[in-house]
Amino acid sequence: MHFSTNYEVFKYLDDMIAQLIRIVFSLIALFDQNNLNLAYVSGDLPNIHMLFPKNHQDVWQESLEQSMMKEDYTIANEQIFLPYFDEIGVKTWFSIPIAEEGKIYGIYFLGIL
């Protein structure tokens, strides 16, 4: 399998996960130097572009180290993604860091039914 763009990779990943669980949205944000930038969105996430870019220091650091559920973000009183997803009425979601051998590339969010 060969991909020409990051979008093709993200779309393939999104399609594969959608075969396993019923997702209502997915969002991939990647770091470019010190900023977290929106790289891919599927599903209805109105005005999601307004959240980006975000400085690396503004992103909840624990979410970049391990998978987190909405409840974890609530307990930590996270102030970027939690308020946004609450505002648009997403009730069940989680995040997965995109990392390899200590290098953090970004974060992957999934909303599920």
PDB file of N, CA and C in Angstrom:
ATOM      1  N   MET A   1       0.841  -1.170   0.000  1.00  0.00           N
ATOM      2  CA  MET A   1       0.000   0.000   0.000  1.00  0.00           C
ATOM      3  C   MET A   1       0.891   1.239   0.000  1.00  0.00           C
ATOM      4  N   HIS A   2       0.532   2.201  -0.821  1.00  0.00           N
ATOM      5  CA  HIS A   2       1.321   3.421  -0.944  1.00  0.00           C
ATOM      6  C   HIS A   2       0.413   4.636  -0.766  1.00  0.00           C
ATOM      7  N   PHE A   3       0.876   5.587   0.029  1.00  0.00           N
ATOM      8  CA  PHE A   3       0.140   6.828   0.251  1.00  0.00           C
ATOM      9  C   PHE A   3       0.974   7.988  -0.269  1.00  0.00           C
ATOM     10  N   SER A   4       0.320   8.922  -0.935  1.00  0.00           N
ATOM     11  CA  SER A   4       1.021  10.083  -1.482  1.00  0.00           C
ATOM     12  C   SER A   4       1.007  11.280  -0.543  1.00  0.00           C
ATOM     13  N   THR A   5       0.005  11.336   0.333  1.00  0.00           N
ATOM     14  CA  THR A   5      -0.130  12.492   1.224  1.00  0.00           C
ATOM     15  C   THR A   5      -0.471  12.038   2.634  1.00  0.00           C
ATOM     16  N   ASN A   6      -0.248  12.919   3.589  1.00  0.00           N
ATOM     17  CA  ASN A   6      -0.667  12.640   4.965  1.00  0.00           C
ATOM     18  C   ASN A   6      -2.171  12.440   5.031  1.00  0.00           C
ATOM     19  N   TYR A   7      -2.912  13.226   4.259  1.00  0.00           N
ATOM     20  CA  TYR A   7      -4.369  13.095   4.263  1.00  0.00           C
ATOM     21  C   TYR A   7      -4.782  11.667   3.908  1.00  0.00           C
ATOM     22  N   GLU A   8      -4.151  11.064   2.915  1.00  0.00           N
ATOM     23  CA  GLU A   8      -4.479   9.695   2.531  1.00  0.00           C
ATOM     24  C   GLU A   8      -4.205   8.720   3.670  1.00  0.00           C
ATOM     25  N   VAL A   9      -3.120   8.928   4.387  1.00  0.00           N
ATOM     26  CA  VAL A   9      -2.797   8.082   5.542  1.00  0.00           C
ATOM     27  C   VAL A   9      -3.869   8.243   6.611  1.00  0.00           C
ATOM     28  N   PHE A  10      -4.216   9.488   6.927  1.00  0.00           N
ATOM     29  CA  PHE A  10      -5.206   9.753   7.971  1.00  0.00           C
ATOM     30  C   PHE A  10      -6.575   9.202   7.587  1.00  0.00           C
ATOM     31  N   LYS A  11      -6.952   9.344   6.336  1.00  0.00           N
ATOM     32  CA  LYS A  11      -8.239   8.834   5.858  1.00  0.00           C
ATOM     33  C   LYS A  11      -8.267   7.312   5.962  1.00  0.00           C
ATOM     34  N   TYR A  12      -7.189   6.665   5.593  1.00  0.00           N
ATOM     35  CA  TYR A  12      -7.104   5.211   5.696  1.00  0.00           C
ATOM     36  C   TYR A  12      -7.235   4.771   7.157  1.00  0.00           C
ATOM     37  N   LEU A  13      -6.497   5.423   8.038  1.00  0.00           N
ATOM     38  CA  LEU A  13      -6.577   5.125   9.469  1.00  0.00           C
ATOM     39  C   LEU A  13      -7.997   5.316   9.976  1.00  0.00           C
ATOM     40  N   ASP A  14      -8.617   6.420   9.605  1.00  0.00           N
ATOM     41  CA  ASP A  14      -9.984   6.726  10.008  1.00  0.00           C
ATOM     42  C   ASP A  14     -10.948   5.638   9.527  1.00  0.00           C
ATOM     43  N   ASP A  15     -10.826   5.234   8.286  1.00  0.00           N
ATOM     44  CA  ASP A  15     -11.694   4.196   7.735  1.00  0.00           C
ATOM     45  C   ASP A  15     -11.504   2.862   8.449  1.00  0.00           C
ATOM     46  N   MET A  16     -10.267   2.512   8.772  1.00  0.00           N
ATOM     47  CA  MET A  16      -9.998   1.245   9.456  1.00  0.00           C
ATOM     48  C   MET A  16     -10.599   1.236  10.860  1.00  0.00           C
ATOM     49  N   ILE A  17     -10.453   2.333  11.574  1.00  0.00           N
ATOM     50  CA  ILE A  17     -11.019   2.414  12.924  1.00  0.00           C
ATOM     51  C   ILE A  17     -12.538   2.408  12.867  1.00  0.00           C
ATOM     52  N   ALA A  18     -13.111   3.072  11.865  1.00  0.00           N
ATOM     53  CA  ALA A  18     -14.567   3.111  11.719  1.00  0.00           C
ATOM     54  C   ALA A  18     -15.147   1.718  11.480  1.00  0.00           C
ATOM     55  N   GLN A  19     -14.348   0.807  10.969  1.00  0.00           N
ATOM     56  CA  GLN A  19     -14.802  -0.567  10.793  1.00  0.00           C
ATOM     57  C   GLN A  19     -14.867  -1.313  12.123  1.00  0.00           C
ATOM     58  N   LEU A  20     -14.106  -0.849  13.107  1.00  0.00           N
ATOM     59  CA  LEU A  20     -14.046  -1.513  14.408  1.00  0.00           C
ATOM     60  C   LEU A  20     -15.030  -0.939  15.415  1.00  0.00           C
ATOM     61  N   ILE A  21     -15.155   0.385  15.429  1.00  0.00           N
ATOM     62  CA  ILE A  21     -16.061   1.049  16.365  1.00  0.00           C
ATOM     63  C   ILE A  21     -16.845   2.117  15.618  1.00  0.00           C
ATOM     64  N   ARG A  22     -17.993   2.470  16.160  1.00  0.00           N
ATOM     65  CA  ARG A  22     -18.828   3.494  15.521  1.00  0.00           C
ATOM     66  C   ARG A  22     -18.371   4.870  15.980  1.00  0.00           C
ATOM     67  N   ILE A  23     -17.608   5.516  15.138  1.00  0.00           N
ATOM     68  CA  ILE A  23     -17.106   6.841  15.487  1.00  0.00           C
ATOM     69  C   ILE A  23     -18.001   7.916  14.882  1.00  0.00           C
ATOM     70  N   VAL A  24     -18.140   9.017  15.619  1.00  0.00           N
ATOM     71  CA  VAL A  24     -18.899  10.158  15.107  1.00  0.00           C
ATOM     72  C   VAL A  24     -17.960  11.249  14.615  1.00  0.00           C
ATOM     73  N   PHE A  25     -16.739  11.224  15.088  1.00  0.00           N
ATOM     74  CA  PHE A  25     -15.734  12.139  14.574  1.00  0.00           C
ATOM     75  C   PHE A  25     -14.350  11.598  14.876  1.00  0.00           C
ATOM     76  N   SER A  26     -13.398  12.070  14.106  1.00  0.00           N
ATOM     77  CA  SER A  26     -11.996  11.870  14.440  1.00  0.00           C
ATOM     78  C   SER A  26     -11.267  13.154  14.106  1.00  0.00           C
ATOM     79  N   LEU A  27     -10.232  13.400  14.863  1.00  0.00           N
ATOM     80  CA  LEU A  27      -9.457  14.624  14.716  1.00  0.00           C
ATOM     81  C   LEU A  27      -8.004  14.268  14.963  1.00  0.00           C
ATOM     82  N   ILE A  28      -7.144  14.668  14.070  1.00  0.00           N
ATOM     83  CA  ILE A  28      -5.712  14.463  14.248  1.00  0.00           C
ATOM     84  C   ILE A  28      -5.048  15.829  14.247  1.00  0.00           C
ATOM     85  N   ALA A  29      -4.286  16.090  15.287  1.00  0.00           N
ATOM     86  CA  ALA A  29      -3.526  17.340  15.391  1.00  0.00           C
ATOM     87  C   ALA A  29      -2.057  16.971  15.560  1.00  0.00           C
ATOM     88  N   LEU A  30      -1.208  17.621  14.800  1.00  0.00           N
ATOM     89  CA  LEU A  30       0.222  17.312  14.812  1.00  0.00           C
ATOM     90  C   LEU A  30       1.035  18.531  15.209  1.00  0.00           C
ATOM     91  N   PHE A  31       2.179  18.262  15.823  1.00  0.00           N
ATOM     92  CA  PHE A  31       3.079  19.347  16.204  1.00  0.00           C
ATOM     93  C   PHE A  31       3.957  19.744  15.028  1.00  0.00           C
ATOM     94  N   ASP A  32       4.092  21.036  14.860  1.00  0.00           N
ATOM     95  CA  ASP A  32       5.004  21.631  13.890  1.00  0.00           C
ATOM     96  C   ASP A  32       5.824  22.621  14.697  1.00  0.00           C
ATOM     97  N   GLN A  33       7.032  22.244  15.028  1.00  0.00           N
ATOM     98  CA  GLN A  33       7.875  23.000  15.946  1.00  0.00           C
ATOM     99  C   GLN A  33       7.172  23.055  17.306  1.00  0.00           C
ATOM    100  N   ASN A  34       6.741  24.219  17.763  1.00  0.00           N
ATOM    101  CA  ASN A  34       6.132  24.339  19.092  1.00  0.00           C
ATOM    102  C   ASN A  34       4.622  24.423  19.077  1.00  0.00           C
ATOM    103  N   ASN A  35       3.992  24.326  17.915  1.00  0.00           N
ATOM    104  CA  ASN A  35       2.543  24.475  17.836  1.00  0.00           C
ATOM    105  C   ASN A  35       1.850  23.186  17.441  1.00  0.00           C
ATOM    106  N   LEU A  36       0.690  22.968  18.048  1.00  0.00           N
ATOM    107  CA  LEU A  36      -0.180  21.867  17.672  1.00  0.00           C
ATOM    108  C   LEU A  36      -1.126  22.398  16.602  1.00  0.00           C
ATOM    109  N   ASN A  37      -1.120  21.752  15.430  1.00  0.00           N
ATOM    110  CA  ASN A  37      -1.920  22.202  14.293  1.00  0.00           C
ATOM    111  C   ASN A  37      -2.885  21.119  13.849  1.00  0.00           C
ATOM    112  N   LEU A  38      -4.042  21.537  13.407  1.00  0.00           N
ATOM    113  CA  LEU A  38      -5.040  20.615  12.897  1.00  0.00           C
ATOM    114  C   LEU A  38      -4.534  19.995  11.600  1.00  0.00           C
ATOM    115  N   ALA A  39      -4.556  18.656  11.532  1.00  0.00           N
ATOM    116  CA  ALA A  39      -4.066  17.956  10.345  1.00  0.00           C
ATOM    117  C   ALA A  39      -5.177  17.209   9.612  1.00  0.00           C
ATOM    118  N   TYR A  40      -6.207  16.749  10.346  1.00  0.00           N
ATOM    119  CA  TYR A  40      -7.269  15.952   9.728  1.00  0.00           C
ATOM    120  C   TYR A  40      -8.510  16.003  10.604  1.00  0.00           C
ATOM    121  N   VAL A  41      -9.670  16.093   9.954  1.00  0.00           N
ATOM    122  CA  VAL A  41     -10.955  16.052  10.661  1.00  0.00           C
ATOM    123  C   VAL A  41     -11.938  15.242   9.831  1.00  0.00           C
ATOM    124  N   SER A  42     -12.675  14.367  10.478  1.00  0.00           N
ATOM    125  CA  SER A  42     -13.836  13.748   9.846  1.00  0.00           C
ATOM    126  C   SER A  42     -14.986  13.874  10.831  1.00  0.00           C
ATOM    127  N   GLY A  43     -16.178  14.011  10.313  1.00  0.00           N
ATOM    128  CA  GLY A  43     -17.341  14.216  11.159  1.00  0.00           C
ATOM    129  C   GLY A  43     -17.653  15.696  11.289  1.00  0.00           C
ATOM    130  N   ASP A  44     -18.709  15.980  12.019  1.00  0.00           N
ATOM    131  CA  ASP A  44     -19.193  17.352  12.157  1.00  0.00           C
ATOM    132  C   ASP A  44     -18.606  17.993  13.411  1.00  0.00           C
ATOM    133  N   LEU A  45     -17.571  18.784  13.232  1.00  0.00           N
ATOM    134  CA  LEU A  45     -16.937  19.514  14.328  1.00  0.00           C
ATOM    135  C   LEU A  45     -16.919  21.000  13.953  1.00  0.00           C
ATOM    136  N   PRO A  46     -18.045  21.696  14.196  1.00  0.00           N
ATOM    137  CA  PRO A  46     -18.143  23.097  13.782  1.00  0.00           C
ATOM    138  C   PRO A  46     -17.071  23.974  14.417  1.00  0.00           C
ATOM    139  N   ASN A  47     -16.500  24.829  13.615  1.00  0.00           N
ATOM    140  CA  ASN A  47     -15.511  25.814  14.069  1.00  0.00           C
ATOM    141  C   ASN A  47     -14.282  25.206  14.736  1.00  0.00           C
ATOM    142  N   ILE A  48     -13.984  23.950  14.467  1.00  0.00           N
ATOM    143  CA  ILE A  48     -12.824  23.309  15.100  1.00  0.00           C
ATOM    144  C   ILE A  48     -11.532  24.032  14.743  1.00  0.00           C
ATOM    145  N   HIS A  49     -11.482  24.630  13.574  1.00  0.00           N
ATOM    146  CA  HIS A  49     -10.268  25.335  13.145  1.00  0.00           C
ATOM    147  C   HIS A  49      -9.913  26.486  14.081  1.00  0.00           C
ATOM    148  N   MET A  50     -10.897  27.000  14.803  1.00  0.00           N
ATOM    149  CA  MET A  50     -10.649  28.124  15.712  1.00  0.00           C
ATOM    150  C   MET A  50      -9.787  27.726  16.909  1.00  0.00           C
ATOM    151  N   LEU A  51      -9.692  26.429  17.198  1.00  0.00           N
ATOM    152  CA  LEU A  51      -8.882  25.970  18.333  1.00  0.00           C
ATOM    153  C   LEU A  51      -7.388  25.937  18.018  1.00  0.00           C
ATOM    154  N   PHE A  52      -7.039  26.041  16.761  1.00  0.00           N
ATOM    155  CA  PHE A  52      -5.657  25.850  16.336  1.00  0.00           C
ATOM    156  C   PHE A  52      -5.111  27.095  15.674  1.00  0.00           C
ATOM    157  N   PRO A  53      -3.784  27.260  15.712  1.00  0.00           N
ATOM    158  CA  PRO A  53      -2.782  26.432  16.384  1.00  0.00           C
ATOM    159  C   PRO A  53      -2.778  26.684  17.892  1.00  0.00           C
ATOM    160  N   LYS A  54      -2.257  25.730  18.624  1.00  0.00           N
ATOM    161  CA  LYS A  54      -2.074  25.840  20.074  1.00  0.00           C
ATOM    162  C   LYS A  54      -0.606  25.614  20.394  1.00  0.00           C
ATOM    163  N   ASN A  55      -0.087  26.445  21.249  1.00  0.00           N
ATOM    164  CA  ASN A  55       1.286  26.281  21.690  1.00  0.00           C
ATOM    165  C   ASN A  55       1.416  24.967  22.448  1.00  0.00           C
ATOM    166  N   HIS A  56       2.516  24.288  22.262  1.00  0.00           N
ATOM    167  CA  HIS A  56       2.781  23.009  22.930  1.00  0.00           C
ATOM    168  C   HIS A  56       2.553  23.111  24.436  1.00  0.00           C
ATOM    169  N   GLN A  57       2.951  24.214  25.032  1.00  0.00           N
ATOM    170  CA  GLN A  57       2.827  24.385  26.484  1.00  0.00           C
ATOM    171  C   GLN A  57       1.378  24.516  26.939  1.00  0.00           C
ATOM    172  N   ASP A  58       0.474  24.897  26.038  1.00  0.00           N
ATOM    173  CA  ASP A  58      -0.936  25.049  26.394  1.00  0.00           C
ATOM    174  C   ASP A  58      -1.696  23.731  26.373  1.00  0.00           C
ATOM    175  N   VAL A  59      -1.112  22.709  25.760  1.00  0.00           N
ATOM    176  CA  VAL A  59      -1.764  21.408  25.644  1.00  0.00           C
ATOM    177  C   VAL A  59      -1.517  20.620  26.924  1.00  0.00           C
ATOM    178  N   TRP A  60      -2.570  20.009  27.457  1.00  0.00           N
ATOM    179  CA  TRP A  60      -2.463  19.204  28.676  1.00  0.00           C
ATOM    180  C   TRP A  60      -1.419  18.111  28.448  1.00  0.00           C
ATOM    181  N   GLN A  61      -0.301  18.205  29.154  1.00  0.00           N
ATOM    182  CA  GLN A  61       0.862  17.352  28.911  1.00  0.00           C
ATOM    183  C   GLN A  61       0.585  15.868  29.123  1.00  0.00           C
ATOM    184  N   GLU A  62      -0.225  15.521  30.100  1.00  0.00           N
ATOM    185  CA  GLU A  62      -0.512  14.103  30.333  1.00  0.00           C
ATOM    186  C   GLU A  62      -1.235  13.473  29.150  1.00  0.00           C
ATOM    187  N   SER A  63      -2.005  14.278  28.405  1.00  0.00           N
ATOM    188  CA  SER A  63      -2.707  13.740  27.233  1.00  0.00           C
ATOM    189  C   SER A  63      -1.738  13.388  26.113  1.00  0.00           C
ATOM    190  N   LEU A  64      -0.517  13.871  26.203  1.00  0.00           N
ATOM    191  CA  LEU A  64       0.500  13.557  25.202  1.00  0.00           C
ATOM    192  C   LEU A  64       1.338  12.352  25.608  1.00  0.00           C
ATOM    193  N   GLU A  65       1.082  11.830  26.799  1.00  0.00           N
ATOM    194  CA  GLU A  65       1.860  10.707  27.320  1.00  0.00           C
ATOM    195  C   GLU A  65       1.087   9.397  27.341  1.00  0.00           C
ATOM    196  N   GLN A  66      -0.244   9.478  27.413  1.00  0.00           N
ATOM    197  CA  GLN A  66      -1.053   8.264  27.464  1.00  0.00           C
ATOM    198  C   GLN A  66      -2.467   8.557  26.981  1.00  0.00           C
ATOM    199  N   SER A  67      -3.188   7.516  26.630  1.00  0.00           N
ATOM    200  CA  SER A  67      -4.573   7.674  26.198  1.00  0.00           C
ATOM    201  C   SER A  67      -5.417   8.203  27.344  1.00  0.00           C
ATOM    202  N   MET A  68      -6.346   9.078  26.994  1.00  0.00           N
ATOM    203  CA  MET A  68      -7.210   9.694  27.999  1.00  0.00           C
ATOM    204  C   MET A  68      -8.655   9.667  27.526  1.00  0.00           C
ATOM    205  N   MET A  69      -9.564   9.551  28.492  1.00  0.00           N
ATOM    206  CA  MET A  69     -10.990   9.627  28.201  1.00  0.00           C
ATOM    207  C   MET A  69     -11.510  11.001  28.608  1.00  0.00           C
ATOM    208  N   LYS A  70     -12.718  11.310  28.174  1.00  0.00           N
ATOM    209  CA  LYS A  70     -13.327  12.593  28.526  1.00  0.00           C
ATOM    210  C   LYS A  70     -13.274  12.816  30.039  1.00  0.00           C
ATOM    211  N   GLU A  71     -13.524  11.778  30.800  1.00  0.00           N
ATOM    212  CA  GLU A  71     -13.528  11.896  32.257  1.00  0.00           C
ATOM    213  C   GLU A  71     -12.173  12.359  32.787  1.00  0.00           C
ATOM    214  N   ASP A  72     -11.095  11.900  32.182  1.00  0.00           N
ATOM    215  CA  ASP A  72      -9.754  12.330  32.591  1.00  0.00           C
ATOM    216  C   ASP A  72      -9.569  13.820  32.337  1.00  0.00           C
ATOM    217  N   TYR A  73     -10.048  14.289  31.195  1.00  0.00           N
ATOM    218  CA  TYR A  73      -9.969  15.714  30.872  1.00  0.00           C
ATOM    219  C   TYR A  73     -10.807  16.526  31.858  1.00  0.00           C
ATOM    220  N   THR A  74     -11.958  15.980  32.260  1.00  0.00           N
ATOM    221  CA  THR A  74     -12.832  16.661  33.220  1.00  0.00           C
ATOM    222  C   THR A  74     -12.143  16.788  34.571  1.00  0.00           C
ATOM    223  N   ILE A  75     -11.564  15.708  35.059  1.00  0.00           N
ATOM    224  CA  ILE A  75     -10.865  15.728  36.349  1.00  0.00           C
ATOM    225  C   ILE A  75      -9.713  16.723  36.323  1.00  0.00           C
ATOM    226  N   ALA A  76      -8.997  16.785  35.211  1.00  0.00           N
ATOM    227  CA  ALA A  76      -7.847  17.688  35.096  1.00  0.00           C
ATOM    228  C   ALA A  76      -8.265  19.132  34.807  1.00  0.00           C
ATOM    229  N   ASN A  77      -9.563  19.337  34.560  1.00  0.00           N
ATOM    230  CA  ASN A  77     -10.077  20.666  34.217  1.00  0.00           C
ATOM    231  C   ASN A  77      -9.337  21.242  33.007  1.00  0.00           C
ATOM    232  N   GLU A  78      -9.137  20.409  32.008  1.00  0.00           N
ATOM    233  CA  GLU A  78      -8.461  20.801  30.774  1.00  0.00           C
ATOM    234  C   GLU A  78      -9.278  21.898  30.093  1.00  0.00           C
ATOM    235  N   GLN A  79      -8.612  22.892  29.511  1.00  0.00           N
ATOM    236  CA  GLN A  79      -9.312  24.089  29.048  1.00  0.00           C
ATOM    237  C   GLN A  79      -9.302  24.336  27.541  1.00  0.00           C
ATOM    238  N   ILE A  80      -8.901  23.370  26.737  1.00  0.00           N
ATOM    239  CA  ILE A  80      -8.942  23.564  25.285  1.00  0.00           C
ATOM    240  C   ILE A  80     -10.009  22.669  24.666  1.00  0.00           C
ATOM    241  N   PHE A  81      -9.807  21.372  24.757  1.00  0.00           N
ATOM    242  CA  PHE A  81     -10.681  20.436  24.065  1.00  0.00           C
ATOM    243  C   PHE A  81     -11.950  20.121  24.845  1.00  0.00           C
ATOM    244  N   LEU A  82     -11.863  19.980  26.156  1.00  0.00           N
ATOM    245  CA  LEU A  82     -13.042  19.677  26.971  1.00  0.00           C
ATOM    246  C   LEU A  82     -14.154  20.704  26.772  1.00  0.00           C
ATOM    247  N   PRO A  83     -13.893  22.008  26.908  1.00  0.00           N
ATOM    248  CA  PRO A  83     -14.977  22.980  26.702  1.00  0.00           C
ATOM    249  C   PRO A  83     -15.555  22.929  25.283  1.00  0.00           C
ATOM    250  N   TYR A  84     -14.697  22.718  24.308  1.00  0.00           N
ATOM    251  CA  TYR A  84     -15.182  22.660  22.923  1.00  0.00           C
ATOM    252  C   TYR A  84     -16.129  21.478  22.728  1.00  0.00           C
ATOM    253  N   PHE A  85     -15.703  20.275  23.113  1.00  0.00           N
ATOM    254  CA  PHE A  85     -16.542  19.095  22.922  1.00  0.00           C
ATOM    255  C   PHE A  85     -17.819  19.184  23.754  1.00  0.00           C
ATOM    256  N   ASP A  86     -17.742  19.748  24.955  1.00  0.00           N
ATOM    257  CA  ASP A  86     -18.948  19.952  25.760  1.00  0.00           C
ATOM    258  C   ASP A  86     -19.913  20.904  25.057  1.00  0.00           C
ATOM    259  N   GLU A  87     -19.370  21.981  24.504  1.00  0.00           N
ATOM    260  CA  GLU A  87     -20.206  22.991  23.848  1.00  0.00           C
ATOM    261  C   GLU A  87     -20.969  22.420  22.653  1.00  0.00           C
ATOM    262  N   ILE A  88     -20.342  21.532  21.898  1.00  0.00           N
ATOM    263  CA  ILE A  88     -21.033  20.981  20.731  1.00  0.00           C
ATOM    264  C   ILE A  88     -21.800  19.694  21.062  1.00  0.00           C
ATOM    265  N   GLY A  89     -21.767  19.276  22.327  1.00  0.00           N
ATOM    266  CA  GLY A  89     -22.590  18.166  22.779  1.00  0.00           C
ATOM    267  C   GLY A  89     -22.025  16.777  22.578  1.00  0.00           C
ATOM    268  N   VAL A  90     -20.716  16.654  22.407  1.00  0.00           N
ATOM    269  CA  VAL A  90     -20.105  15.327  22.288  1.00  0.00           C
ATOM    270  C   VAL A  90     -19.957  14.754  23.693  1.00  0.00           C
ATOM    271  N   LYS A  91     -20.580  13.619  23.935  1.00  0.00           N
ATOM    272  CA  LYS A  91     -20.600  13.058  25.284  1.00  0.00           C
ATOM    273  C   LYS A  91     -19.523  11.998  25.524  1.00  0.00           C
ATOM    274  N   THR A  92     -19.130  11.262  24.490  1.00  0.00           N
ATOM    275  CA  THR A  92     -18.157  10.189  24.665  1.00  0.00           C
ATOM    276  C   THR A  92     -17.020  10.363  23.665  1.00  0.00           C
ATOM    277  N   TRP A  93     -15.832  10.574  24.185  1.00  0.00           N
ATOM    278  CA  TRP A  93     -14.659  10.746  23.331  1.00  0.00           C
ATOM    279  C   TRP A  93     -13.408  10.403  24.113  1.00  0.00           C
ATOM    280  N   PHE A  94     -12.343  10.160  23.392  1.00  0.00           N
ATOM    281  CA  PHE A  94     -11.059   9.889  24.030  1.00  0.00           C
ATOM    282  C   PHE A  94      -9.939  10.351  23.110  1.00  0.00           C
ATOM    283  N   SER A  95      -8.745  10.420  23.672  1.00  0.00           N
ATOM    284  CA  SER A  95      -7.580  10.841  22.893  1.00  0.00           C
ATOM    285  C   SER A  95      -6.469   9.810  23.023  1.00  0.00           C
ATOM    286  N   ILE A  96      -5.669   9.753  21.987  1.00  0.00           N
ATOM    287  CA  ILE A  96      -4.522   8.854  21.939  1.00  0.00           C
ATOM    288  C   ILE A  96      -3.325   9.680  21.478  1.00  0.00           C
ATOM    289  N   PRO A  97      -2.244   9.677  22.240  1.00  0.00           N
ATOM    290  CA  PRO A  97      -1.070  10.416  21.762  1.00  0.00           C
ATOM    291  C   PRO A  97      -0.464   9.724  20.541  1.00  0.00           C
ATOM    292  N   ILE A  98       0.064  10.509  19.658  1.00  0.00           N
ATOM    293  CA  ILE A  98       0.794   9.982  18.508  1.00  0.00           C
ATOM    294  C   ILE A  98       2.268  10.189  18.837  1.00  0.00           C
ATOM    295  N   ALA A  99       2.930   9.102  19.192  1.00  0.00           N
ATOM    296  CA  ALA A  99       4.308   9.208  19.681  1.00  0.00           C
ATOM    297  C   ALA A  99       5.080   7.949  19.318  1.00  0.00           C
ATOM    298  N   GLU A 100       6.390   8.097  19.363  1.00  0.00           N
ATOM    299  CA  GLU A 100       7.266   6.970  19.089  1.00  0.00           C
ATOM    300  C   GLU A 100       8.578   7.190  19.821  1.00  0.00           C
ATOM    301  N   GLU A 101       8.948   6.235  20.655  1.00  0.00           N
ATOM    302  CA  GLU A 101      10.225   6.269  21.370  1.00  0.00           C
ATOM    303  C   GLU A 101      10.525   7.630  21.988  1.00  0.00           C
ATOM    304  N   GLY A 102       9.565   8.151  22.716  1.00  0.00           N
ATOM    305  CA  GLY A 102       9.770   9.404  23.427  1.00  0.00           C
ATOM    306  C   GLY A 102       9.554  10.662  22.608  1.00  0.00           C
ATOM    307  N   LYS A 103       9.352  10.546  21.308  1.00  0.00           N
ATOM    308  CA  LYS A 103       9.082  11.716  20.476  1.00  0.00           C
ATOM    309  C   LYS A 103       7.576  11.835  20.274  1.00  0.00           C
ATOM    310  N   ILE A 104       7.035  12.994  20.609  1.00  0.00           N
ATOM    311  CA  ILE A 104       5.601  13.233  20.493  1.00  0.00           C
ATOM    312  C   ILE A 104       5.330  13.944  19.173  1.00  0.00           C
ATOM    313  N   TYR A 105       4.476  13.334  18.367  1.00  0.00           N
ATOM    314  CA  TYR A 105       4.135  13.906  17.064  1.00  0.00           C
ATOM    315  C   TYR A 105       2.813  14.665  17.094  1.00  0.00           C
ATOM    316  N   GLY A 106       1.905  14.251  17.977  1.00  0.00           N
ATOM    317  CA  GLY A 106       0.604  14.900  18.015  1.00  0.00           C
ATOM    318  C   GLY A 106      -0.378  14.127  18.862  1.00  0.00           C
ATOM    319  N   ILE A 107      -1.654  14.307  18.558  1.00  0.00           N
ATOM    320  CA  ILE A 107      -2.708  13.678  19.343  1.00  0.00           C
ATOM    321  C   ILE A 107      -3.881  13.349  18.419  1.00  0.00           C
ATOM    322  N   TYR A 108      -4.526  12.228  18.706  1.00  0.00           N
ATOM    323  CA  TYR A 108      -5.626  11.714  17.896  1.00  0.00           C
ATOM    324  C   TYR A 108      -6.852  11.641  18.792  1.00  0.00           C
ATOM    325  N   PHE A 109      -7.926  12.317  18.410  1.00  0.00           N
ATOM    326  CA  PHE A 109      -9.179  12.303  19.163  1.00  0.00           C
ATOM    327  C   PHE A 109     -10.219  11.502  18.398  1.00  0.00           C
ATOM    328  N   LEU A 110     -11.006  10.714  19.130  1.00  0.00           N
ATOM    329  CA  LEU A 110     -12.110   9.959  18.548  1.00  0.00           C
ATOM    330  C   LEU A 110     -13.361  10.188  19.374  1.00  0.00           C
ATOM    331  N   GLY A 111     -14.452  10.494  18.711  1.00  0.00           N
ATOM    332  CA  GLY A 111     -15.757  10.546  19.354  1.00  0.00           C
ATOM    333  C   GLY A 111     -16.511   9.295  18.961  1.00  0.00           C
ATOM    334  N   ILE A 112     -17.137   8.633  19.923  1.00  0.00           N
ATOM    335  CA  ILE A 112     -17.805   7.364  19.632  1.00  0.00           C
ATOM    336  C   ILE A 112     -19.258   7.405  20.070  1.00  0.00           C
ATOM    337  N   LEU A 113     -20.043   6.518  19.470  1.00  0.00           N
ATOM    338  CA  LEU A 113     -21.453   6.378  19.841  1.00  0.00           C
ATOM    339  C   LEU A 113     -21.582   5.456  21.031  1.00  0.00           C
TER     340      LEU A 113
END
